[in-house]
Protein backbone atom coordinates (compact mmCIF):
# COMPACT_ATOMS: atom_id res chain seq x y z
CA MET A 1 -9.78 36.30 -16.07
CA SER A 2 -9.72 34.28 -19.29
CA GLN A 3 -9.07 30.58 -19.22
CA PRO A 4 -5.39 29.69 -19.72
CA ALA A 5 -4.56 28.43 -23.18
CA GLU A 6 -3.12 25.21 -21.85
CA GLN A 7 -6.50 24.27 -20.36
CA SER A 8 -8.62 25.12 -23.39
CA ALA A 9 -8.14 21.69 -24.95
CA TYR A 10 -9.94 20.10 -22.02
CA PRO A 11 -13.60 20.53 -21.05
CA ASP A 12 -14.23 21.71 -17.51
CA HIS A 13 -16.40 18.74 -16.58
CA ILE A 14 -15.47 15.07 -16.37
CA ASP A 15 -16.64 13.83 -19.76
CA ALA A 16 -17.42 10.30 -20.95
CA ALA A 17 -14.06 9.90 -22.69
CA VAL A 18 -12.14 10.50 -19.48
CA LEU A 19 -14.48 8.25 -17.49
CA LYS A 20 -13.71 5.42 -19.93
CA ILE A 21 -10.03 5.80 -19.21
CA ALA A 22 -10.70 6.03 -15.47
CA GLY A 23 -12.57 2.72 -15.68
CA VAL A 24 -9.53 0.98 -17.20
CA VAL A 25 -7.17 2.39 -14.59
CA VAL A 26 -9.43 1.64 -11.62
CA LEU A 27 -9.92 -1.94 -12.76
CA GLY A 28 -6.15 -2.47 -12.99
CA ALA A 29 -5.56 -0.78 -9.65
CA ILE A 30 -8.19 -2.92 -7.95
CA MET A 31 -6.48 -6.12 -9.14
CA SER A 32 -3.05 -4.94 -8.01
CA ILE A 33 -4.00 -3.50 -4.62
CA LEU A 34 -6.44 -6.24 -3.64
CA ASP A 35 -3.76 -8.84 -4.25
CA ILE A 36 -1.45 -7.17 -1.75
CA THR A 37 -3.90 -7.86 1.08
CA VAL A 38 -6.03 -10.78 -0.09
CA VAL A 39 -3.21 -13.30 0.43
CA ASN A 40 -2.68 -12.33 4.08
CA VAL A 41 -5.71 -14.29 5.23
CA ALA A 42 -4.56 -17.39 3.30
CA LEU A 43 -1.19 -17.82 5.03
CA PRO A 44 -2.41 -20.42 7.59
CA THR A 45 -4.07 -22.30 4.72
CA PHE A 46 -0.77 -22.36 2.81
CA GLN A 47 0.92 -23.81 5.90
CA ASP A 48 -1.47 -26.76 5.86
CA LYS A 49 -1.93 -27.29 2.12
CA PHE A 50 1.77 -27.23 1.21
CA GLY A 51 2.82 -29.19 4.29
CA SER A 52 1.32 -32.12 6.17
CA PRO A 53 -0.90 -32.35 9.26
CA ASP A 54 2.11 -33.38 11.34
CA SER A 55 4.57 -30.97 9.72
CA PRO A 56 3.03 -27.76 8.38
CA VAL A 57 5.18 -25.33 6.44
CA ALA A 58 6.82 -22.74 8.71
CA TYR A 59 5.00 -19.41 8.91
CA SER A 60 8.23 -17.58 8.08
CA THR A 61 8.29 -19.50 4.78
CA VAL A 62 4.70 -18.92 3.70
CA ALA A 63 5.05 -15.25 4.62
CA TRP A 64 7.34 -14.98 1.61
CA THR A 65 4.27 -15.25 -0.61
CA VAL A 66 3.54 -11.72 0.62
CA THR A 67 7.13 -10.48 0.84
CA ALA A 68 8.10 -11.74 -2.63
CA TYR A 69 5.13 -9.94 -4.21
CA THR A 70 5.95 -6.70 -2.37
CA LEU A 71 9.63 -6.82 -3.28
CA ALA A 72 8.85 -7.48 -6.96
CA LEU A 73 6.35 -4.63 -6.84
CA ALA A 74 8.94 -2.22 -5.46
CA THR A 75 11.72 -3.41 -7.77
CA VAL A 76 9.82 -2.84 -11.00
CA ILE A 77 8.43 0.60 -10.10
CA PRO A 78 11.68 2.45 -10.95
CA LEU A 79 11.64 0.95 -14.45
CA THR A 80 8.13 2.18 -15.18
CA GLY A 81 9.00 5.79 -15.96
CA TRP A 82 11.62 4.86 -18.57
CA ALA A 83 9.48 2.09 -20.05
CA ALA A 84 6.45 4.40 -20.36
CA ASP A 85 8.54 6.90 -22.31
CA ARG A 86 10.15 4.19 -24.44
CA PHE A 87 7.17 2.02 -25.36
CA GLY A 88 4.14 4.23 -24.69
CA THR A 89 1.71 3.96 -21.81
CA LYS A 90 -0.99 1.98 -23.64
CA ARG A 91 1.29 -0.86 -24.76
CA LEU A 92 3.08 -1.00 -21.43
CA TYR A 93 -0.17 -0.91 -19.44
CA MET A 94 -1.60 -3.80 -21.44
CA ALA A 95 1.65 -5.74 -21.04
CA ALA A 96 1.50 -5.16 -17.26
CA ILE A 97 -2.10 -6.43 -17.10
CA PHE A 98 -1.14 -9.53 -19.12
CA LEU A 99 1.89 -10.25 -16.90
CA PHE A 100 -0.15 -9.83 -13.73
CA THR A 101 -2.97 -12.04 -15.05
CA ALA A 102 -0.57 -14.75 -16.25
CA GLY A 103 1.20 -14.69 -12.88
CA SER A 104 -2.16 -15.06 -11.12
CA ALA A 105 -3.08 -18.09 -13.21
CA LEU A 106 0.30 -19.69 -12.53
CA CYS A 107 -0.07 -19.07 -8.79
CA ALA A 108 -3.28 -21.10 -8.83
CA THR A 109 -1.39 -24.04 -10.39
CA ALA A 110 1.44 -24.07 -7.83
CA SER A 111 2.07 -27.49 -6.30
CA SER A 112 4.67 -26.37 -3.76
CA ILE A 113 5.32 -23.31 -1.65
CA ASP A 114 8.52 -22.58 -3.62
CA MET A 115 6.57 -22.56 -6.89
CA LEU A 116 3.96 -20.24 -5.38
CA ILE A 117 6.62 -17.79 -4.19
CA ALA A 118 8.26 -17.77 -7.65
CA PHE A 119 4.95 -17.14 -9.39
CA ARG A 120 4.14 -14.36 -6.92
CA VAL A 121 7.31 -12.60 -8.09
CA LEU A 122 6.04 -12.76 -11.68
CA GLN A 123 2.67 -11.45 -10.55
CA GLY A 124 4.31 -8.58 -8.66
CA LEU A 125 6.37 -7.52 -11.69
CA GLY A 126 3.13 -6.87 -13.57
CA GLY A 127 1.27 -5.42 -10.60
CA GLY A 128 4.04 -2.97 -9.78
CA MET A 129 3.58 -1.13 -13.08
CA LEU A 130 -0.20 -0.78 -12.93
CA MET A 131 -0.46 2.03 -10.35
CA PRO A 132 2.22 4.47 -11.66
CA LEU A 133 1.10 3.85 -15.24
CA GLY A 134 -2.53 4.37 -14.29
CA MET A 135 -1.71 7.68 -12.63
CA THR A 136 0.18 8.80 -15.73
CA ILE A 137 -2.65 7.83 -18.09
CA MET A 138 -5.29 9.58 -15.99
CA THR A 139 -3.23 12.73 -15.54
CA ARG A 140 -2.70 13.09 -19.27
CA ALA A 141 -6.34 12.38 -19.98
CA ALA A 142 -7.80 14.80 -17.44
CA GLY A 143 -5.58 17.82 -17.85
CA PRO A 144 -4.15 19.74 -14.87
CA HIS A 145 -7.34 21.54 -13.86
CA ARG A 146 -9.35 18.30 -13.48
CA MET A 147 -6.71 16.18 -11.78
CA GLY A 148 -8.28 16.43 -8.33
CA ARG A 149 -11.55 14.87 -9.43
CA LEU A 150 -9.79 12.14 -11.42
CA MET A 151 -7.38 11.32 -8.59
CA ALA A 152 -10.39 10.92 -6.30
CA ILE A 153 -11.61 8.18 -8.63
CA LEU A 154 -8.21 6.49 -8.59
CA GLY A 155 -8.22 6.65 -4.80
CA VAL A 156 -11.22 4.32 -4.48
CA PRO A 157 -9.22 1.08 -5.00
CA MET A 158 -6.48 2.41 -2.72
CA LEU A 159 -9.05 2.68 0.06
CA LEU A 160 -11.00 -0.48 -0.62
CA GLY A 161 -7.99 -2.77 -1.12
CA PRO A 162 -6.95 -3.10 2.53
CA ILE A 163 -10.61 -3.46 3.56
CA LEU A 164 -11.99 -5.84 0.94
CA GLY A 165 -8.82 -7.94 0.62
CA PRO A 166 -9.17 -9.89 3.89
CA ILE A 167 -12.96 -10.15 3.45
CA LEU A 168 -12.71 -11.46 -0.11
CA GLY A 169 -9.83 -13.82 0.71
CA GLY A 170 -11.60 -15.31 3.71
CA TRP A 171 -14.85 -15.76 1.80
CA LEU A 172 -13.21 -17.43 -1.23
CA ILE A 173 -11.25 -19.85 0.94
CA GLU A 174 -14.36 -20.68 2.95
CA VAL A 175 -16.73 -21.31 0.01
CA ALA A 176 -14.24 -22.60 -2.59
CA SER A 177 -10.47 -23.07 -2.14
CA TRP A 178 -7.26 -21.05 -1.88
CA HIS A 179 -6.78 -21.34 -5.65
CA TRP A 180 -9.63 -18.89 -6.22
CA ILE A 181 -7.88 -15.97 -4.53
CA PHE A 182 -5.67 -16.05 -7.64
CA LEU A 183 -8.07 -17.43 -10.26
CA ILE A 184 -10.47 -14.53 -9.68
CA ASN A 185 -7.88 -12.25 -11.32
CA VAL A 186 -8.01 -14.17 -14.61
CA PRO A 187 -11.45 -13.02 -15.82
CA LEU A 188 -10.79 -9.55 -14.39
CA GLY A 189 -7.51 -9.38 -16.29
CA ALA A 190 -9.13 -10.52 -19.54
CA ILE A 191 -11.83 -7.85 -19.18
CA ALA A 192 -9.19 -5.20 -18.38
CA LEU A 193 -7.15 -6.14 -21.48
CA VAL A 194 -10.13 -5.86 -23.83
CA TYR A 195 -11.26 -2.66 -22.12
CA ALA A 196 -7.79 -1.09 -22.42
CA TRP A 197 -7.52 -2.04 -26.09
CA PHE A 198 -10.65 -0.08 -26.97
CA ALA A 199 -10.56 2.74 -24.38
CA LEU A 200 -6.92 3.84 -24.60
CA THR A 201 -5.29 5.44 -27.63
CA PRO A 202 -1.59 5.01 -28.43
CA ASP A 203 0.61 7.80 -27.16
CA HIS A 204 3.99 9.12 -28.23
CA ALA A 205 6.99 6.90 -27.43
CA GLU A 206 10.46 8.39 -27.03
CA ARG A 207 12.34 5.75 -29.00
CA SER A 208 15.63 7.65 -28.95
CA GLU A 209 15.97 7.64 -25.16
CA SER A 210 18.80 5.51 -23.84
CA PHE A 211 18.32 2.98 -21.06
CA ASP A 212 20.06 3.58 -17.73
CA PHE A 213 21.56 0.12 -17.18
CA LEU A 214 23.80 1.26 -14.31
CA GLY A 215 20.81 2.92 -12.63
CA VAL A 216 18.88 -0.35 -12.77
CA ALA A 217 21.86 -2.27 -11.37
CA LEU A 218 22.02 0.12 -8.42
CA MET A 219 18.42 1.14 -7.66
CA SER A 220 16.34 -2.00 -8.11
CA PRO A 221 18.58 -4.37 -6.06
CA GLY A 222 19.19 -1.59 -3.53
CA LEU A 223 15.48 -0.99 -2.99
CA ALA A 224 14.75 -4.74 -2.84
CA LEU A 225 17.54 -5.39 -0.31
CA PHE A 226 16.47 -2.47 1.89
CA LEU A 227 12.83 -3.56 1.96
CA PHE A 228 13.91 -7.16 2.55
CA GLY A 229 15.83 -6.06 5.64
CA VAL A 230 12.90 -3.98 6.86
CA SER A 231 10.41 -6.81 6.27
CA SER A 232 12.69 -9.20 8.20
CA LEU A 233 12.50 -7.12 11.40
CA PRO A 234 9.29 -8.69 12.76
CA ALA A 235 10.69 -12.20 12.21
CA GLU A 236 13.81 -11.19 14.16
CA SER A 237 11.75 -9.67 17.02
CA GLY A 238 12.88 -6.17 16.10
CA ASP A 239 16.58 -7.03 16.44
CA PHE A 240 18.50 -4.66 14.13
CA GLY A 241 21.62 -6.60 15.04
CA ALA A 242 20.41 -9.72 13.22
CA PRO A 243 22.60 -10.21 10.09
CA ARG A 244 19.57 -10.73 7.87
CA VAL A 245 18.32 -7.28 8.90
CA TRP A 246 21.37 -5.04 9.12
CA VAL A 247 23.37 -6.56 6.27
CA SER A 248 20.42 -6.30 3.87
CA MET A 249 19.50 -2.78 4.95
CA LEU A 250 23.12 -1.54 4.83
CA ALA A 251 23.72 -3.04 1.39
CA GLY A 252 20.45 -1.55 0.17
CA VAL A 253 21.24 1.92 1.54
CA LEU A 254 24.74 1.87 -0.01
CA LEU A 255 23.40 0.85 -3.42
CA MET A 256 20.67 3.50 -3.30
CA ALA A 257 23.19 6.15 -2.19
CA ALA A 258 25.38 5.21 -5.16
CA PHE A 259 22.31 5.51 -7.37
CA VAL A 260 21.58 9.03 -6.08
CA TRP A 261 25.15 10.06 -6.95
CA HIS A 262 24.85 8.43 -10.38
CA SER A 263 21.37 9.72 -11.26
CA PHE A 264 22.52 13.30 -11.89
CA ARG A 265 25.05 12.20 -14.52
CA PRO A 266 23.08 10.64 -17.44
CA GLU A 267 20.67 12.68 -19.53
CA HIS A 268 17.87 10.16 -18.97
CA PRO A 269 18.34 8.55 -15.52
CA LEU A 270 16.20 5.70 -14.28
CA LEU A 271 14.68 8.00 -11.64
CA ASP A 272 14.79 11.68 -12.43
CA LEU A 273 15.77 13.15 -9.07
CA ARG A 274 16.03 16.55 -10.73
CA LEU A 275 12.25 16.67 -10.32
CA PHE A 276 12.80 17.45 -6.65
CA ARG A 277 13.52 21.00 -7.81
CA ASP A 278 9.73 21.25 -8.06
CA ARG A 279 8.69 22.41 -4.60
CA ASN A 280 5.17 20.98 -4.85
CA LEU A 281 6.52 17.52 -5.66
CA THR A 282 9.15 17.62 -2.91
CA ILE A 283 6.82 18.73 -0.11
CA SER A 284 4.13 16.32 -1.29
CA ILE A 285 6.52 13.34 -1.23
CA ILE A 286 7.78 14.20 2.26
CA THR A 287 4.21 14.53 3.50
CA MET A 288 3.15 11.33 1.71
CA PHE A 289 6.07 9.38 3.20
CA LEU A 290 5.25 10.28 6.81
CA PHE A 291 1.53 9.84 6.23
CA ALA A 292 1.86 6.40 4.58
CA ALA A 293 4.21 5.10 7.28
CA ALA A 294 1.83 6.14 10.07
CA PHE A 295 -1.53 5.39 8.48
CA PHE A 296 -0.81 2.09 6.71
CA GLY A 297 1.31 0.86 9.60
CA GLY A 298 -1.56 1.61 11.96
CA LEU A 299 -4.13 0.17 9.55
CA LEU A 300 -2.44 -3.23 9.85
CA LEU A 301 -3.19 -3.35 13.58
CA VAL A 302 -6.94 -2.78 13.41
CA PRO A 303 -8.13 -6.17 12.06
CA THR A 304 -5.46 -7.88 14.17
CA TYR A 305 -6.89 -6.22 17.29
CA PHE A 306 -10.39 -7.41 16.45
CA GLN A 307 -9.19 -10.99 15.93
CA GLN A 308 -6.69 -11.37 18.75
CA ILE A 309 -8.21 -9.19 21.47
CA ARG A 310 -11.93 -9.39 20.69
CA GLY A 311 -12.00 -12.94 19.29
CA GLU A 312 -13.61 -12.03 15.96
CA SER A 313 -13.24 -14.16 12.84
CA THR A 314 -11.23 -12.90 9.87
CA LEU A 315 -14.41 -12.13 7.95
CA HIS A 316 -16.01 -10.26 10.85
CA ALA A 317 -12.78 -8.33 11.51
CA GLY A 318 -12.72 -7.20 7.90
CA LEU A 319 -16.33 -6.11 8.11
CA LEU A 320 -15.64 -4.13 11.30
CA VAL A 321 -12.83 -2.26 9.53
CA ALA A 322 -15.10 -1.39 6.60
CA PRO A 323 -16.53 1.82 8.19
CA GLN A 324 -13.10 3.41 7.79
CA GLY A 325 -13.26 2.90 4.05
CA LEU A 326 -16.83 4.12 3.94
CA GLY A 327 -15.80 7.30 5.74
CA ALA A 328 -13.05 7.88 3.20
CA MET A 329 -15.47 7.34 0.34
CA VAL A 330 -17.58 10.20 1.72
CA THR A 331 -14.80 12.78 1.82
CA MET A 332 -12.66 11.68 -1.13
CA PRO A 333 -14.97 12.93 -3.92
CA ILE A 334 -15.56 16.15 -1.95
CA ALA A 335 -11.81 16.69 -1.58
CA GLY A 336 -11.35 15.81 -5.25
CA ARG A 337 -13.67 18.62 -6.31
CA LEU A 338 -12.30 21.09 -3.78
CA VAL A 339 -8.68 20.54 -4.82
CA ASP A 340 -9.58 21.71 -8.32
CA LYS A 341 -10.86 24.97 -6.85
CA ILE A 342 -8.92 25.83 -3.68
CA PRO A 343 -5.24 25.31 -2.70
CA VAL A 344 -4.30 21.86 -1.46
CA GLY A 345 -2.54 23.45 1.53
CA ARG A 346 -5.97 24.31 2.89
CA ILE A 347 -7.32 20.76 2.49
CA VAL A 348 -4.62 18.27 3.51
CA PRO A 349 -3.95 19.72 7.01
CA VAL A 350 -7.66 19.39 7.79
CA GLY A 351 -7.60 15.74 6.70
CA LEU A 352 -4.49 15.03 8.77
CA ALA A 353 -6.06 16.72 11.80
CA LEU A 354 -9.02 14.33 11.53
CA ILE A 355 -6.62 11.36 11.41
CA VAL A 356 -4.78 12.72 14.45
CA VAL A 357 -8.09 12.86 16.36
CA GLY A 358 -9.14 9.34 15.30
CA MET A 359 -5.69 7.87 15.97
CA PHE A 360 -5.64 9.45 19.44
CA GLY A 361 -8.86 7.63 20.18
CA LEU A 362 -7.18 4.34 19.24
CA THR A 363 -4.38 5.03 21.72
CA GLN A 364 -7.03 4.67 24.44
CA ILE A 365 -8.40 1.25 23.39
CA THR A 366 -8.80 -1.54 25.92
CA ALA A 367 -10.03 -5.12 25.80
CA THR A 368 -13.59 -3.90 26.40
CA THR A 369 -13.83 -0.68 24.37
CA PRO A 370 -17.42 -0.50 23.02
CA TYR A 371 -17.72 -1.28 19.32
CA PRO A 372 -19.72 1.88 18.50
CA LEU A 373 -16.85 3.99 19.88
CA LEU A 374 -14.26 2.00 17.89
CA ILE A 375 -16.29 2.35 14.71
CA ALA A 376 -16.66 6.10 15.30
CA MET A 377 -12.86 6.43 15.58
CA LEU A 378 -12.38 4.50 12.35
CA VAL A 379 -14.94 6.63 10.52
CA VAL A 380 -13.17 9.84 11.62
CA MET A 381 -9.87 8.39 10.40
CA GLY A 382 -11.57 7.48 7.13
CA PHE A 383 -12.80 11.05 6.72
CA GLY A 384 -9.22 12.22 7.15
CA MET A 385 -7.82 9.63 4.75
CA GLY A 386 -10.22 10.70 2.02
CA ALA A 387 -9.20 14.34 2.42
CA THR A 388 -5.46 13.62 2.46
CA MET A 389 -4.19 11.01 0.03
CA MET A 390 -5.50 12.04 -3.37
CA PRO A 391 -4.97 15.79 -2.83
CA LEU A 392 -1.31 14.97 -2.13
CA PHE A 393 -1.01 13.04 -5.41
CA THR A 394 -2.79 15.85 -7.22
CA THR A 395 -0.59 18.71 -6.06
CA ALA A 396 2.57 16.70 -6.64
CA LEU A 397 1.83 16.10 -10.32
CA ARG A 398 -0.09 19.26 -11.16
CA THR A 399 2.92 21.44 -11.99
CA LEU A 400 4.82 18.77 -13.96
CA SER A 401 4.89 18.75 -17.75
CA GLY A 402 3.75 15.76 -19.80
CA ALA A 403 7.26 14.35 -20.15
CA GLN A 404 7.69 14.49 -16.37
CA VAL A 405 4.37 13.06 -15.21
CA ALA A 406 5.35 9.39 -15.59
CA ARG A 407 8.60 9.94 -13.69
CA GLY A 408 6.92 12.04 -11.02
CA SER A 409 4.26 9.39 -10.39
CA THR A 410 7.05 6.81 -10.18
CA LEU A 411 8.75 8.82 -7.41
CA LEU A 412 5.44 9.11 -5.56
CA ASN A 413 4.71 5.38 -5.78
CA ILE A 414 8.21 4.41 -4.66
CA SER A 415 8.04 6.72 -1.65
CA GLN A 416 4.63 5.34 -0.69
CA GLN A 417 5.83 1.73 -1.07
CA ILE A 418 8.94 2.30 1.06
CA ALA A 419 6.99 4.25 3.69
CA SER A 420 4.24 1.62 3.93
CA SER A 421 6.79 -1.19 4.32
CA CYS A 422 8.72 0.76 6.98
CA GLY A 423 5.50 1.65 8.80
CA VAL A 424 4.21 -1.93 8.84
CA ALA A 425 7.58 -3.26 10.03
CA THR A 426 7.87 -0.59 12.73
CA MET A 427 4.38 -1.17 14.12
CA SER A 428 4.90 -4.95 14.03
CA VAL A 429 8.18 -4.67 15.95
CA VAL A 430 6.71 -2.31 18.57
CA LEU A 431 3.66 -4.53 19.06
CA THR A 432 5.76 -7.71 19.29
CA ASN A 433 8.09 -6.20 21.87
CA GLN A 434 5.15 -4.92 23.92
CA LEU A 435 3.51 -8.34 23.89
CA ASN A 436 6.78 -10.00 24.94
CA ASN A 437 6.95 -7.87 28.10
CA SER A 438 4.25 -10.06 29.62
CA PRO A 439 5.31 -12.62 32.30
CA ILE A 440 5.64 -16.33 31.46
CA ILE A 441 3.03 -18.65 32.95
CA PRO A 442 4.80 -21.26 35.12
CA GLY A 443 4.45 -24.86 33.97
CA THR A 444 3.57 -24.12 30.34
CA GLN A 445 5.64 -25.60 27.54
CA VAL A 446 4.69 -24.84 23.94
CA PRO A 447 6.95 -25.70 20.98
CA ASP A 448 9.00 -22.78 19.59
CA LEU A 449 8.16 -20.53 22.55
CA GLY A 450 11.26 -21.12 24.68
CA ASP A 451 10.69 -21.30 28.43
CA GLY A 452 6.93 -21.23 28.29
CA LEU A 453 3.79 -19.38 27.30
CA ARG A 454 3.42 -15.69 28.12
CA GLU A 455 0.17 -14.40 29.56
CA THR A 456 -0.44 -12.24 26.48
CA GLN A 457 0.16 -15.22 24.19
CA ALA A 458 -2.21 -17.37 26.19
CA ALA A 459 -4.90 -14.66 26.02
CA ILE A 460 -4.51 -14.29 22.25
CA LEU A 461 -4.56 -18.07 21.71
CA SER A 462 -7.69 -18.32 23.84
CA ASN A 463 -9.42 -16.10 21.26
CA THR A 464 -7.85 -17.44 18.06
CA GLN A 465 -6.99 -21.11 18.78
CA PRO A 466 -8.70 -22.12 22.03
CA GLU A 467 -8.24 -25.83 21.32
CA SER A 468 -4.43 -25.45 21.34
CA ILE A 469 -4.22 -24.28 24.97
CA ALA A 470 -7.17 -26.15 26.46
CA PRO A 471 -4.98 -29.16 27.48
CA LEU A 472 -2.69 -26.82 29.48
CA ASN A 473 -5.44 -25.95 32.00
CA ILE A 474 -4.20 -22.38 32.36
CA ASP A 475 -5.56 -20.31 35.25
CA PRO A 476 -8.36 -18.06 33.87
CA ALA A 477 -6.95 -15.19 35.94
CA ALA A 478 -3.67 -15.39 33.98
CA ILE A 479 -5.57 -15.27 30.69
CA ALA A 480 -7.59 -12.28 31.92
CA ARG A 481 -4.39 -10.43 32.88
CA GLY A 482 -2.86 -11.33 29.55
CA LEU A 483 -5.85 -9.95 27.67
CA VAL A 484 -5.52 -6.61 29.46
CA ASP A 485 -1.78 -6.50 28.75
CA ALA A 486 -2.30 -7.45 25.09
CA ALA A 487 -4.83 -4.66 24.63
CA ASP A 488 -2.36 -2.25 26.26
CA ALA A 489 0.28 -3.40 23.78
CA PHE A 490 -1.98 -2.34 20.91
CA SER A 491 -2.74 1.04 22.49
CA HIS A 492 0.97 1.72 23.13
CA THR A 493 1.76 0.86 19.50
CA TYR A 494 -0.88 3.32 18.35
CA TRP A 495 0.96 6.04 20.25
CA VAL A 496 3.86 5.56 17.80
CA ALA A 497 1.49 5.89 14.85
CA TRP A 498 -0.12 8.97 16.44
CA VAL A 499 3.26 10.69 16.84
CA LEU A 500 4.09 10.02 13.18
CA VAL A 501 0.76 11.40 11.99
CA THR A 502 1.22 14.50 14.15
CA LEU A 503 4.69 15.07 12.68
CA THR A 504 3.14 14.87 9.20
CA LEU A 505 1.37 18.15 9.92
CA ILE A 506 4.74 19.99 9.73
CA PRO A 507 5.41 19.43 5.99
CA ALA A 508 1.66 19.55 5.28
CA LEU A 509 1.57 23.17 6.47
CA MET A 510 4.20 23.94 3.79
CA LEU A 511 1.95 22.77 0.96
CA PRO A 512 0.74 25.49 -1.45
CA ARG A 513 -1.83 27.81 0.09
CA ARG A 514 -2.31 29.59 -3.22
CA ARG A 515 -3.14 28.02 -6.55
CA PRO A 516 0.13 27.12 -8.31
CA GLN A 517 0.56 27.73 -12.03
CA THR A 518 -0.24 24.50 -13.84
CA ARG A 519 1.38 23.15 -16.96
CA HIS A 520 -0.26 21.45 -19.89
CA ALA A 521 -0.49 17.72 -19.33
CA ASP A 522 1.35 17.09 -22.60
CA GLU A 523 3.13 20.38 -23.36
CA GLY A 524 1.12 21.36 -26.38
CA ALA A 525 0.43 17.88 -27.74
CA PRO A 526 -3.16 16.67 -28.01
CA PRO A 527 -4.46 15.09 -24.82
CA ALA A 528 -4.30 11.31 -24.70
CA VAL A 529 -8.03 10.64 -24.58
CA VAL A 530 -10.19 8.28 -26.55
CA ASP A 531 -11.86 9.23 -29.78
């Protein structure tokens, strides 16, 4: 069979021109994704540095340095599709890098926690555009028949971010100061700007397209309010009846429902929900949503288990999680090449099955599970991750035309962001409730813990802050019981993640099992590659 005409403009191999573009996109993605996780390890430091020894800043307040970034990230994603069409991907990508870099520099200058939170919003507005824009740029550069291999490259920062973030953050704070978790982005951003200027070529901008002001007024606040309510669940101990939770979530759902009704009316809506007529995109987004909720929600628990149950430092916990990323790095390039040759419906279910096996192993963890067994489980999950995530992105975008790619990648990124936030909140609530089922140790009084210290709390503090409970002279038997119960709480929470991953197999089996007909990445226009 002769090669389709729409693929003839692209070479079959990954050439130097496309690799240049991939380098720009990966560099931007690394900055954005690393910054989601690198701040987590700095939260106790923020409590001390922005407070006083006698009165540290409340944890619920410093946690907003993470929440504000995530909400800004999610809020700006819906605007990316329109802005890419209106201004062109090169100009918008460079503007996003500049905004992210400027926000990083300002974060390092913050003299109060309120200033830091405000600057994190600015940083998130730039970071939120980098991933969907990067996917659009790479898709147009590679052409439909090479998307699998290029998406495998883009998947590297997605895998390494959650692993390297805590390691890098802990190391920078230990050897320098908290300022450097933000300052490190400044030289990276400058390099990315210069790189993008030379590697990317200007693309066509649809200057006649109108802006969906009503869509912005409905979708962006709706998404932000919904995620705010979800992210508030752990702070409210999983109480959906708390006003901060249910009012925010209800308002967000109502605004987003109004947006769905509105989005089919204008010619150029903020989010083009008409794309759901594409079966590949629809099934891929459903599969991605369930997968992201289960996998990223479960991923949050692994370093926490190592620190709280096994008494490891933040740096060591990050290193122990690293085998999962290494496993994914083995299978991701293999899956990237296979997805260009065989149907994605024959790849993703295999990857999910591996995650199901690895996650089942984590449902059996105890306070004394041997490290080699834990690492083996994480490696198996990593193998599955590498064979799942990028093939899903690839099949979703493969049958879209050039004018639809930016909007399709926006839908994918929004679904992943919402799913990850919901998954993290759900796992946090389940774990918190499980830990709170432990009995209270008589005679213990710790500030902010009500009637006393629970056995699980005492066990965790004995591993993370032994000096704080030493004066209480707690019975070692109570701490031992608490450690067993705390480990059980983690294993029970992993059962929730395992069920979600297993359910993901249902839509995954509906993915294409025959090669779908691909469209030209730019509908007849020259591919957006470098000279």
